């Protein structure tokens, strides 16, 4: 029997069988496990979220994505015709929702791949991948030596106080991100690493002659209050 005959027989068998050979208990277990993993991913997202406003709809999407992906995997795992039809249907779908936080993509793909693993009954793989991803988030979510990064905007009357600013900052690490002239005033944006949340340098900057205003914004890739 040639390869062509094998493929033809496979298609004929797929057309002849309406339902998947996967048992109902197996499907229920796979979907339930995918739901549990989705909840765990949602809780981890809630734990390590560092944005301004917690996106509850995205957290719910992570749970639903795990279950739906497991369902699709179960549907296409034992039927060639359904799998080809699913690929054709998904290829014409266009998603236009912008993901502003790069880390959200990590959670989204984590939910999708976990659903695929559960749909394929590869539960051990899903557990191992989940443990590794959690460790990655724990390790890289810690700030350097417990400090924080700030963007400090200093408004100066004139432009001759850069040396005084340098003396006011003392031993605090910083670098100038931008300098903008607005009429007679100058705005200097500094990227400042603040160890142990010691914000005493802000008052020192305000005490400098010529400084009209100082604004400090916590910065972790996005602007936070």
Protein backbone atom coordinates (compact mmCIF):
# COMPACT_ATOMS: atom_id res chain seq x y z
CA UNK A 1 0.00 0.00 0.00
CA UNK A 2 1.43 3.34 -1.04
CA UNK A 3 1.56 6.52 1.04
CA UNK A 4 -1.20 7.96 -1.14
CA UNK A 5 -3.50 5.08 -0.23
CA UNK A 6 -2.72 5.51 3.47
CA UNK A 7 -3.60 9.20 3.36
CA UNK A 8 -6.76 8.46 1.37
CA UNK A 9 -7.89 5.82 3.87
CA UNK A 10 -7.17 8.20 6.74
CA UNK A 11 -9.40 10.85 5.19
CA UNK A 12 -12.16 8.34 4.48
CA UNK A 13 -12.06 7.15 8.09
CA UNK A 14 -12.21 10.75 9.29
CA UNK A 15 -15.26 11.46 7.14
CA UNK A 16 -16.90 8.26 8.32
CA UNK A 17 -16.46 8.99 12.04
CA UNK A 18 -18.53 11.94 13.24
CA UNK A 19 -17.37 11.95 16.85
CA UNK A 20 -13.90 11.88 18.31
CA UNK A 21 -12.63 8.64 19.74
CA UNK A 22 -11.57 10.49 22.88
CA UNK A 23 -13.79 9.40 25.75
CA UNK A 24 -16.02 11.84 27.59
CA UNK A 25 -14.25 11.31 30.95
CA UNK A 26 -10.92 12.09 29.29
CA UNK A 27 -12.30 15.30 27.81
CA UNK A 28 -13.82 16.38 31.12
CA UNK A 29 -10.55 15.74 32.97
CA UNK A 30 -8.51 17.63 30.36
CA UNK A 31 -10.83 20.65 30.44
CA UNK A 32 -10.96 20.64 34.25
CA UNK A 33 -7.17 20.50 34.53
CA UNK A 34 -6.87 23.30 31.96
CA UNK A 35 -9.31 25.37 34.04
CA UNK A 36 -7.25 24.77 37.20
CA UNK A 37 -4.01 25.73 35.44
CA UNK A 38 -5.73 28.83 34.04
CA UNK A 39 -6.75 29.87 37.55
CA UNK A 40 -3.17 29.38 38.77
CA UNK A 41 -1.82 31.52 35.92
CA UNK A 42 -4.44 34.16 36.76
CA UNK A 43 -3.36 34.18 40.42
CA UNK A 44 0.31 34.45 39.46
CA UNK A 45 -0.55 37.33 37.11
CA UNK A 46 -2.36 39.05 40.00
CA UNK A 47 0.61 38.46 42.32
CA UNK A 48 3.34 39.80 40.03
CA UNK A 49 1.37 42.57 38.32
CA UNK A 50 3.22 45.90 38.54
CA UNK A 51 1.04 48.18 36.43
CA UNK A 52 -1.08 51.13 37.48
CA UNK A 53 -4.57 49.61 37.06
CA UNK A 54 -5.12 45.86 37.40
CA UNK A 55 -6.66 44.52 34.18
CA UNK A 56 -9.33 42.10 35.42
CA UNK A 57 -10.61 41.30 31.92
CA UNK A 58 -7.15 40.17 30.84
CA UNK A 59 -6.91 37.93 33.91
CA UNK A 60 -10.23 36.30 33.01
CA UNK A 61 -8.98 35.90 29.44
CA UNK A 62 -6.04 33.84 30.71
CA UNK A 63 -8.41 31.33 32.30
CA UNK A 64 -10.68 31.16 29.27
CA UNK A 65 -7.74 30.89 26.89
CA UNK A 66 -6.41 27.81 28.69
CA UNK A 67 -9.79 26.05 28.53
CA UNK A 68 -10.55 27.03 24.92
CA UNK A 69 -7.11 25.96 23.71
CA UNK A 70 -7.51 22.61 25.45
CA UNK A 71 -10.90 22.20 23.75
CA UNK A 72 -9.42 22.94 20.31
CA UNK A 73 -6.58 20.49 20.94
CA UNK A 74 -9.04 17.76 21.93
CA UNK A 75 -11.13 18.45 18.83
CA UNK A 76 -8.29 18.22 16.32
CA UNK A 77 -6.21 15.50 17.99
CA UNK A 78 -8.13 12.53 16.55
CA UNK A 79 -9.75 13.86 13.37
CA UNK A 80 -7.75 14.98 10.35
CA UNK A 81 -10.67 16.71 8.63
CA UNK A 82 -11.57 18.78 11.69
CA UNK A 83 -7.94 19.75 12.21
CA UNK A 84 -7.61 21.01 8.62
CA UNK A 85 -10.91 22.87 8.89
CA UNK A 86 -9.81 24.44 12.16
CA UNK A 87 -6.54 25.61 10.64
CA UNK A 88 -8.40 27.13 7.71
CA UNK A 89 -10.90 28.87 9.98
CA UNK A 90 -8.27 30.29 12.32
CA UNK A 91 -6.10 31.49 9.43
CA UNK A 92 -8.71 34.08 8.39
CA UNK A 93 -9.18 35.49 11.90
CA UNK A 94 -7.45 38.80 12.65
CA UNK A 95 -6.94 39.96 16.23
CA UNK A 96 -6.45 43.71 16.59
CA UNK A 97 -6.28 44.04 20.37
CA UNK A 98 -3.01 45.79 21.20
CA UNK A 99 -0.93 44.34 24.04
CA UNK A 100 0.81 47.34 25.62
CA UNK A 101 2.72 45.47 28.32
CA UNK A 102 5.32 43.04 26.87
CA UNK A 103 5.06 40.83 29.94
CA UNK A 104 1.36 40.25 29.18
CA UNK A 105 2.45 38.33 26.08
CA UNK A 106 4.31 35.93 28.35
CA UNK A 107 1.16 35.18 30.34
CA UNK A 108 -0.92 34.88 27.17
CA UNK A 109 1.39 32.36 25.51
CA UNK A 110 1.74 30.55 28.83
CA UNK A 111 -2.04 30.09 28.97
CA UNK A 112 -2.18 28.95 25.33
CA UNK A 113 0.65 26.42 25.60
CA UNK A 114 -0.74 25.12 28.90
CA UNK A 115 -4.10 24.55 27.22
CA UNK A 116 -2.40 22.67 24.39
CA UNK A 117 -0.51 20.48 26.87
CA UNK A 118 -3.71 19.71 28.80
CA UNK A 119 -5.60 18.94 25.61
CA UNK A 120 -2.87 16.47 24.68
CA UNK A 121 -3.01 14.94 28.20
CA UNK A 122 0.59 16.03 28.86
CA UNK A 123 -0.13 17.17 32.40
CA UNK A 124 3.41 16.59 33.70
CA UNK A 125 4.78 18.92 31.02
CA UNK A 126 2.28 21.61 32.03
CA UNK A 127 3.30 21.28 35.69
CA UNK A 128 7.04 21.43 34.94
CA UNK A 129 6.62 24.43 32.62
CA UNK A 130 4.45 26.17 35.22
CA UNK A 131 7.07 25.69 37.95
CA UNK A 132 9.84 27.01 35.69
CA UNK A 133 7.80 30.05 34.62
CA UNK A 134 6.94 30.87 38.24
CA UNK A 135 10.62 30.70 39.20
CA UNK A 136 11.50 32.99 36.30
CA UNK A 137 8.94 35.55 37.46
CA UNK A 138 10.14 35.34 41.07
CA UNK A 139 13.80 35.82 40.12
CA UNK A 140 13.36 38.67 37.64
CA UNK A 141 10.61 40.54 39.48
CA UNK A 142 12.97 41.53 42.28
CA UNK A 143 14.42 45.00 42.02
CA UNK A 144 18.16 45.58 42.29
CA UNK A 145 19.15 45.48 46.00
CA UNK A 146 15.66 46.44 47.08
CA UNK A 147 15.79 49.90 45.50
CA UNK A 148 13.54 51.62 42.98
CA UNK A 149 14.07 53.54 39.76
CA UNK A 150 12.54 57.00 39.45
CA UNK A 151 12.17 59.59 36.72
CA UNK A 152 12.78 62.96 38.37
CA UNK A 153 11.69 66.07 36.47
CA UNK A 154 13.39 69.25 37.69
CA UNK A 155 12.08 72.65 36.56
CA UNK A 156 14.76 75.33 36.68
CA UNK A 157 14.49 79.08 36.21
CA UNK A 158 17.28 79.72 33.73
CA UNK A 159 19.98 77.22 32.81
CA UNK A 160 22.95 77.76 35.12
CA UNK A 161 22.30 75.34 37.97
CA UNK A 162 23.59 72.01 36.61
CA UNK A 163 26.61 72.01 38.94
CA UNK A 164 24.39 72.76 41.92
CA UNK A 165 22.12 69.86 40.95
CA UNK A 166 25.12 67.57 40.83
CA UNK A 167 26.15 68.58 44.32
CA UNK A 168 22.58 68.18 45.62
CA UNK A 169 22.36 64.62 44.29
CA UNK A 170 25.52 63.66 46.18
CA UNK A 171 26.31 59.91 45.92
CA UNK A 172 22.93 58.97 44.41
CA UNK A 173 23.30 57.38 40.99
CA UNK A 174 21.53 59.22 38.19
CA UNK A 175 21.80 60.14 34.56
CA UNK A 176 20.24 62.89 32.49
CA UNK A 177 17.55 61.53 30.15
CA UNK A 178 16.49 64.80 28.50
CA UNK A 179 16.77 68.56 28.73
CA UNK A 180 14.03 70.83 27.39
CA UNK A 181 13.90 74.63 27.28
CA UNK A 182 10.45 76.17 27.81
CA UNK A 183 10.74 79.92 27.48
CA UNK A 184 12.96 81.13 30.30
CA UNK A 185 12.68 77.84 32.17
CA UNK A 186 14.54 74.57 31.68
CA UNK A 187 13.18 71.10 32.46
CA UNK A 188 15.69 68.33 33.13
CA UNK A 189 14.55 64.68 33.31
CA UNK A 190 16.81 62.49 35.45
CA UNK A 191 16.77 58.71 35.77
CA UNK A 192 17.57 58.12 39.44
CA UNK A 193 18.16 54.87 41.31
CA UNK A 194 16.92 55.30 44.89
CA UNK A 195 18.18 52.66 47.37
CA UNK A 196 15.91 51.78 50.30
CA UNK A 197 13.27 54.31 49.17
CA UNK A 198 15.31 57.22 50.56
CA UNK A 199 13.70 60.29 48.94
CA UNK A 200 15.64 62.91 50.90
CA UNK A 201 17.36 64.07 47.72
CA UNK A 202 14.06 65.54 46.48
CA UNK A 203 14.07 68.13 49.27
CA UNK A 204 17.73 68.88 48.58
CA UNK A 205 16.88 69.53 44.94
CA UNK A 206 14.02 71.84 45.92
CA UNK A 207 16.41 73.79 48.16
CA UNK A 208 18.73 74.57 45.24
CA UNK A 209 18.56 78.22 44.13
CA UNK A 210 16.71 78.50 40.84
CA UNK A 211 14.79 75.23 41.15
CA UNK A 212 11.06 75.92 40.93
CA UNK A 213 9.61 72.41 41.07
CA UNK A 214 10.67 68.76 41.44
CA UNK A 215 8.49 65.80 40.41
CA UNK A 216 9.50 62.19 41.11
CA UNK A 217 7.74 59.31 39.28
CA UNK A 218 8.47 55.66 40.01
CA UNK A 219 9.65 54.00 36.82
CA UNK A 220 9.73 50.29 35.90
CA UNK A 221 9.51 50.40 32.12
CA UNK A 222 6.11 52.11 32.41
CA UNK A 223 5.12 55.15 34.42
CA UNK A 224 3.55 54.40 37.81
CA UNK A 225 2.02 56.53 40.52
